Amino acid sequence: MLDERQLQDIKSLQRLCERQDGILLKLNDEMLRSDSRSEDMDYFRYENDRLVGFLALYRFGEKFEVCGMVHPDYRRKGIFTGLWQEASASGSLAAASSVLLNAPKASVSASEWLKTTRCRYSFSEYEMAWQADAVQEPSEDKTRSLPSVSYRPYEPGDREDIVRLCEDGFEMSEIDTEQMLEEEQRSASRSRSMLVLHGETVGTLAMDYDVPGQAWVFGFVVDADYRGNGIGRSALKQVIRRENEAGLQPHIGVETQNDNALHLYESCGFRSYAVQDYYELLL
């Protein structure tokens, strides 16, 4: 578990790097603040009592993600390579089925470092925010035909449905899905809902409120047997309305190659403001 000084140092360095580089770093604040976070997941480099380098590992079941940063004045000194070597030697990644290195597409320094590492490009994600003036209103006929989807809180009895939905929608293993659900149960800022149509479970989504003023939609998936019927649009419009009424701006992430989801999100008013690249480590 990280102490408050470490967390403040991370946040200060993050703000500096983002401002100077014109990027957004995906440092998963909630996971960093978790009481159950082990010491072998975070690596620091201090110079004269100032944090100048940080690398974090994030575990999602059997998969890991890596993200980090170096103070602009201390780059090209081998700091991030040293942190990476320390993390690699710790054994923390020994049981990983895959390791993804996360870097903002706009980060020049990250791009240069990745060239020195045995990895290959895997995929990219848009980070999107809802904007009222970007909503593309459907025709009156389509609006009337949207199904009356409702949602209810996740319950332990929904576990099998979640495993099935996540395997189909995200190719997640049962182990990864179970760990995700355990982490959500421990989280103070994340909640999961089940989408219901005529008494049948037809999908799921999770909401995260870790970032002040923002409401993030995660793990949004509709049962394959019910896709193409407006269920996703109906559910998303309800989420947007609810969060707006609460004074929060909805956000969502989507793979850049997921054309169907991207079209849905854009038509509902979401616009991309950042791109995150992911590179798979060659184990």
Protein backbone atom coordinates (compact mmCIF):
# COMPACT_ATOMS: atom_id res chain seq x y z
CA MET A 1 0.00 0.00 0.00
CA LEU A 2 1.38 3.41 -0.99
CA ASP A 3 1.53 6.14 1.62
CA GLU A 4 0.07 9.60 1.15
CA ARG A 5 3.39 11.24 0.36
CA GLN A 6 4.11 8.74 -2.43
CA LEU A 7 0.64 9.28 -3.88
CA GLN A 8 1.07 13.06 -3.82
CA ASP A 9 4.52 12.79 -5.42
CA ILE A 10 3.06 10.61 -8.20
CA LYS A 11 0.24 13.06 -8.82
CA SER A 12 2.61 16.05 -8.92
CA LEU A 13 4.94 14.35 -11.41
CA GLN A 14 1.97 13.23 -13.49
CA ARG A 15 0.63 16.80 -13.75
CA LEU A 16 4.07 18.10 -14.75
CA CYS A 17 4.58 15.47 -17.46
CA GLU A 18 1.07 15.87 -18.84
CA ARG A 19 1.36 19.65 -18.98
CA GLN A 20 4.79 19.72 -20.58
CA ASP A 21 4.20 16.87 -23.06
CA GLY A 22 0.57 17.63 -23.89
CA ILE A 23 -0.52 14.09 -23.00
CA LEU A 24 -2.76 12.17 -20.61
CA LEU A 25 -1.22 9.37 -18.57
CA LYS A 26 -3.31 6.35 -17.62
CA LEU A 27 -2.04 5.78 -14.09
CA ASN A 28 -5.21 4.21 -12.62
CA ASP A 29 -5.39 6.31 -9.45
CA GLU A 30 -7.89 4.02 -7.77
CA MET A 31 -5.61 0.99 -8.11
CA LEU A 32 -2.66 2.98 -6.76
CA ARG A 33 -4.74 3.91 -3.70
CA SER A 34 -5.98 0.38 -3.07
CA ASP A 35 -5.37 -0.95 0.46
CA SER A 36 -4.58 -4.36 -1.02
CA ARG A 37 -1.88 -3.11 -3.44
CA SER A 38 1.38 -5.01 -2.89
CA GLU A 39 4.78 -3.34 -2.63
CA ASP A 40 6.22 -5.11 -5.67
CA MET A 41 3.86 -3.28 -8.05
CA ASP A 42 5.35 0.23 -7.81
CA TYR A 43 8.89 1.48 -8.48
CA PHE A 44 10.27 4.93 -7.63
CA ARG A 45 13.36 6.99 -8.41
CA TYR A 46 14.08 10.02 -6.24
CA GLU A 47 16.78 12.64 -6.78
CA ASN A 48 17.42 15.14 -3.99
CA ASP A 49 14.16 14.15 -2.31
CA ARG A 50 12.20 14.76 -5.55
CA LEU A 51 10.37 12.04 -7.46
CA VAL A 52 11.84 11.97 -10.97
CA GLY A 53 10.75 8.54 -12.17
CA PHE A 54 7.86 6.18 -11.52
CA LEU A 55 6.72 2.85 -12.98
CA ALA A 56 3.59 0.94 -12.00
CA LEU A 57 2.34 -2.57 -12.71
CA TYR A 58 -1.38 -3.25 -12.85
CA ARG A 59 -2.75 -6.76 -12.62
CA PHE A 60 -5.97 -7.81 -14.33
CA GLY A 61 -6.29 -11.52 -13.59
CA GLU A 62 -3.42 -13.22 -15.43
CA LYS A 63 -2.69 -10.11 -17.52
CA PHE A 64 -0.57 -7.12 -16.55
CA GLU A 65 -0.34 -3.55 -17.80
CA VAL A 66 2.62 -1.22 -17.32
CA CYS A 67 2.64 2.56 -17.25
CA GLY A 68 5.09 5.15 -15.97
CA MET A 69 6.81 8.49 -16.43
CA VAL A 70 10.08 10.39 -16.01
CA HIS A 71 10.53 14.05 -15.13
CA PRO A 72 11.27 16.02 -18.34
CA ASP A 73 14.57 17.31 -16.91
CA TYR A 74 15.80 13.79 -16.12
CA ARG A 75 15.11 11.95 -19.37
CA ARG A 76 17.72 10.16 -21.47
CA LYS A 77 19.57 9.18 -18.30
CA GLY A 78 18.39 5.56 -18.19
CA ILE A 79 15.96 6.16 -15.33
CA PHE A 80 12.93 4.45 -16.85
CA THR A 81 15.06 1.58 -18.13
CA GLY A 82 16.39 1.13 -14.61
CA LEU A 83 12.88 1.07 -13.16
CA TRP A 84 11.78 -1.43 -15.79
CA GLN A 85 14.75 -3.69 -15.07
CA GLU A 86 13.96 -3.52 -11.36
CA ALA A 87 10.32 -4.43 -11.96
CA SER A 88 11.28 -7.26 -14.34
CA ALA A 89 13.77 -8.71 -11.85
CA SER A 90 11.26 -8.61 -8.97
CA GLY A 91 9.38 -11.66 -10.23
CA SER A 92 6.07 -9.80 -10.20
CA LEU A 93 5.50 -10.60 -13.87
CA ALA A 94 6.52 -14.25 -13.66
CA ALA A 95 2.95 -15.56 -13.67
CA ALA A 96 1.69 -13.15 -16.34
CA SER A 97 0.01 -14.64 -19.41
CA SER A 98 0.62 -11.33 -21.19
CA VAL A 99 2.09 -7.90 -20.42
CA LEU A 100 0.89 -4.73 -22.14
CA LEU A 101 3.01 -1.59 -22.12
CA ASN A 102 0.75 1.48 -22.15
CA ALA A 103 1.87 4.80 -23.67
CA PRO A 104 0.00 7.90 -24.83
CA LYS A 105 0.25 8.08 -28.62
CA ALA A 106 1.38 11.71 -28.36
CA SER A 107 4.33 10.89 -26.08
CA VAL A 108 7.60 11.19 -28.01
CA SER A 109 9.73 9.96 -25.10
CA ALA A 110 7.56 6.85 -24.64
CA SER A 111 7.76 6.07 -28.34
CA GLU A 112 11.56 6.29 -28.25
CA TRP A 113 11.82 4.05 -25.18
CA LEU A 114 9.53 1.40 -26.69
CA LYS A 115 11.96 1.07 -29.61
CA THR A 116 14.55 -0.24 -27.13
CA THR A 117 12.20 -2.89 -25.70
CA ARG A 118 11.23 -6.32 -27.03
CA CYS A 119 7.59 -5.58 -27.75
CA ARG A 120 5.14 -5.27 -30.63
CA TYR A 121 2.21 -2.97 -31.22
CA SER A 122 -1.08 -4.54 -30.11
CA PHE A 123 -3.91 -1.98 -30.28
CA SER A 124 -4.98 1.58 -29.48
CA GLU A 125 -7.89 3.04 -27.53
CA TYR A 126 -9.73 6.32 -27.87
CA GLU A 127 -10.55 8.10 -24.63
CA MET A 128 -13.86 9.85 -25.27
CA ALA A 129 -15.90 12.49 -23.44
CA TRP A 130 -19.57 13.31 -23.94
CA GLN A 131 -20.41 16.70 -25.46
CA ALA A 132 -23.98 17.94 -25.67
CA ASP A 133 -23.47 19.70 -29.00
CA ALA A 134 -22.07 16.53 -30.61
CA VAL A 135 -25.20 14.40 -30.22
CA GLN A 136 -26.53 13.08 -33.52
CA GLU A 137 -30.27 12.79 -33.04
CA PRO A 138 -31.77 9.72 -34.75
CA SER A 139 -34.95 9.94 -36.79
CA GLU A 140 -38.27 10.01 -34.96
CA ASP A 141 -39.02 6.45 -36.09
CA LYS A 142 -35.75 5.14 -34.66
CA THR A 143 -36.28 7.01 -31.39
CA ARG A 144 -39.73 5.44 -30.95
CA SER A 145 -38.35 1.96 -31.68
CA LEU A 146 -35.67 1.96 -28.97
CA PRO A 147 -36.33 -0.89 -26.51
CA SER A 148 -37.23 -0.13 -22.88
CA VAL A 149 -34.04 -1.34 -21.26
CA SER A 150 -33.69 -1.10 -17.49
CA TYR A 151 -30.71 -1.72 -15.26
CA ARG A 152 -30.23 -3.05 -11.75
CA PRO A 153 -27.23 -3.45 -9.41
CA TYR A 154 -24.96 -6.46 -9.90
CA GLU A 155 -25.56 -9.34 -7.51
CA PRO A 156 -23.35 -12.40 -6.77
CA GLY A 157 -25.86 -14.57 -8.63
CA ASP A 158 -24.99 -12.67 -11.84
CA ARG A 159 -21.45 -14.09 -11.90
CA GLU A 160 -22.09 -16.68 -14.63
CA ASP A 161 -23.75 -14.08 -16.86
CA ILE A 162 -20.80 -11.72 -16.38
CA VAL A 163 -18.30 -14.46 -17.23
CA ARG A 164 -20.25 -15.32 -20.38
CA LEU A 165 -20.68 -11.71 -21.48
CA CYS A 166 -17.04 -10.78 -20.89
CA GLU A 167 -15.77 -13.89 -22.68
CA ASP A 168 -17.93 -13.08 -25.71
CA GLY A 169 -17.45 -9.32 -25.72
CA PHE A 170 -13.84 -8.95 -24.59
CA GLU A 171 -12.34 -12.46 -24.87
CA MET A 172 -11.67 -12.39 -21.13
CA SER A 173 -10.87 -15.62 -19.34
CA GLU A 174 -12.96 -16.76 -16.38
CA ILE A 175 -10.01 -16.10 -14.04
CA ASP A 176 -9.59 -12.54 -15.32
CA THR A 177 -13.33 -11.85 -15.00
CA GLU A 178 -13.46 -13.21 -11.46
CA GLN A 179 -10.54 -11.02 -10.39
CA MET A 180 -12.21 -8.01 -12.02
CA LEU A 181 -15.39 -8.66 -10.03
CA GLU A 182 -13.42 -9.04 -6.80
CA GLU A 183 -11.66 -5.72 -7.38
CA GLU A 184 -14.97 -4.02 -8.15
CA GLN A 185 -16.44 -5.32 -4.89
CA ARG A 186 -13.51 -3.76 -2.98
CA SER A 187 -13.73 -0.46 -4.86
CA ALA A 188 -15.40 2.55 -3.28
CA SER A 189 -15.76 4.37 -6.60
CA ARG A 190 -16.83 1.63 -9.04
CA SER A 191 -20.20 -0.08 -9.40
CA ARG A 192 -21.58 -2.61 -11.88
CA SER A 193 -25.08 -2.85 -13.31
CA MET A 194 -26.93 -5.50 -15.29
CA LEU A 195 -28.99 -4.51 -18.33
CA VAL A 196 -32.46 -6.06 -18.35
CA LEU A 197 -35.05 -6.39 -21.13
CA HIS A 198 -38.42 -8.06 -20.45
CA GLY A 199 -36.96 -9.75 -17.36
CA GLU A 200 -33.95 -11.17 -19.23
CA THR A 201 -30.33 -10.16 -18.57
CA VAL A 202 -29.08 -8.76 -21.88
CA GLY A 203 -25.84 -6.99 -20.94
CA THR A 204 -23.71 -5.28 -18.33
CA LEU A 205 -21.67 -2.16 -17.69
CA ALA A 206 -19.60 -0.69 -14.89
CA MET A 207 -19.35 2.94 -13.76
CA ASP A 208 -16.28 4.51 -12.16
CA TYR A 209 -16.33 7.84 -10.32
CA ASP A 210 -12.67 8.03 -9.29
CA VAL A 211 -11.94 11.21 -11.29
CA PRO A 212 -13.74 14.27 -9.88
CA GLY A 213 -16.43 15.58 -12.21
CA GLN A 214 -16.27 12.54 -14.48
CA ALA A 215 -18.34 9.35 -14.79
CA TRP A 216 -16.47 6.60 -16.67
CA VAL A 217 -18.29 3.77 -18.43
CA PHE A 218 -16.34 0.49 -18.40
CA GLY A 219 -16.97 -3.04 -19.62
CA PHE A 220 -20.06 -2.11 -21.63
CA VAL A 221 -21.28 -5.21 -23.46
CA VAL A 222 -24.60 -6.45 -24.83
CA ASP A 223 -25.42 -10.15 -25.21
CA ALA A 224 -24.62 -11.27 -28.77
CA ASP A 225 -28.16 -12.62 -29.22
CA TYR A 226 -29.62 -9.16 -28.59
CA ARG A 227 -27.25 -6.92 -30.53
CA GLY A 228 -28.48 -4.74 -33.35
CA ASN A 229 -31.80 -3.98 -31.63
CA GLY A 230 -30.94 -0.64 -30.05
CA ILE A 231 -30.30 -2.03 -26.57
CA GLY A 232 -26.82 -0.50 -26.33
CA ARG A 233 -28.06 2.90 -27.51
CA SER A 234 -31.01 2.85 -25.09
CA ALA A 235 -28.81 1.91 -22.12
CA LEU A 236 -26.13 4.45 -23.01
CA LYS A 237 -28.63 7.29 -23.39
CA GLN A 238 -29.99 6.50 -19.92
CA VAL A 239 -26.49 6.57 -18.44
CA ILE A 240 -25.73 9.90 -20.15
CA ARG A 241 -28.95 11.46 -18.87
CA ARG A 242 -28.42 10.19 -15.32
CA GLU A 243 -24.82 11.36 -15.06
CA ASN A 244 -25.60 14.75 -16.59
CA GLU A 245 -28.36 15.29 -14.06
CA ALA A 246 -25.80 14.49 -11.34
CA GLY A 247 -23.48 17.17 -12.76
CA LEU A 248 -20.92 14.67 -14.12
CA GLN A 249 -19.46 14.39 -17.62
CA PRO A 250 -19.70 10.85 -19.04
CA HIS A 251 -16.47 9.33 -20.42
CA ILE A 252 -15.82 6.06 -22.22
CA GLY A 253 -12.95 4.20 -23.86
CA VAL A 254 -13.04 2.14 -27.04
CA GLU A 255 -10.56 0.36 -29.27
CA THR A 256 -9.87 2.40 -32.38
CA GLN A 257 -10.71 -0.57 -34.62
CA ASN A 258 -14.09 -1.28 -33.00
CA ASP A 259 -16.13 0.51 -35.68
CA ASN A 260 -19.56 -0.54 -34.41
CA ALA A 261 -18.98 0.68 -30.86
CA LEU A 262 -17.23 3.82 -32.09
CA HIS A 263 -20.17 4.72 -34.33
CA LEU A 264 -22.60 4.19 -31.43
CA TYR A 265 -20.59 6.32 -29.02
CA GLU A 266 -20.07 9.14 -31.51
CA SER A 267 -23.76 9.21 -32.45
CA CYS A 268 -24.61 9.49 -28.74
CA GLY A 269 -22.33 12.53 -28.38
CA PHE A 270 -18.93 11.14 -27.37
CA ARG A 271 -15.81 12.65 -28.94
CA SER A 272 -12.21 11.45 -28.72
CA TYR A 273 -9.73 13.67 -26.87
CA ALA A 274 -6.77 11.30 -26.40
CA VAL A 275 -5.36 8.03 -27.76
CA GLN A 276 -3.62 5.38 -25.69
CA ASP A 277 -1.34 2.86 -27.43
CA TYR A 278 -0.68 -0.64 -26.11
CA TYR A 279 2.35 -2.77 -26.93
CA GLU A 280 2.62 -6.44 -26.04
CA LEU A 281 5.83 -7.48 -24.33
CA LEU A 282 7.49 -10.42 -26.07
CA LEU A 283 7.89 -12.84 -23.16
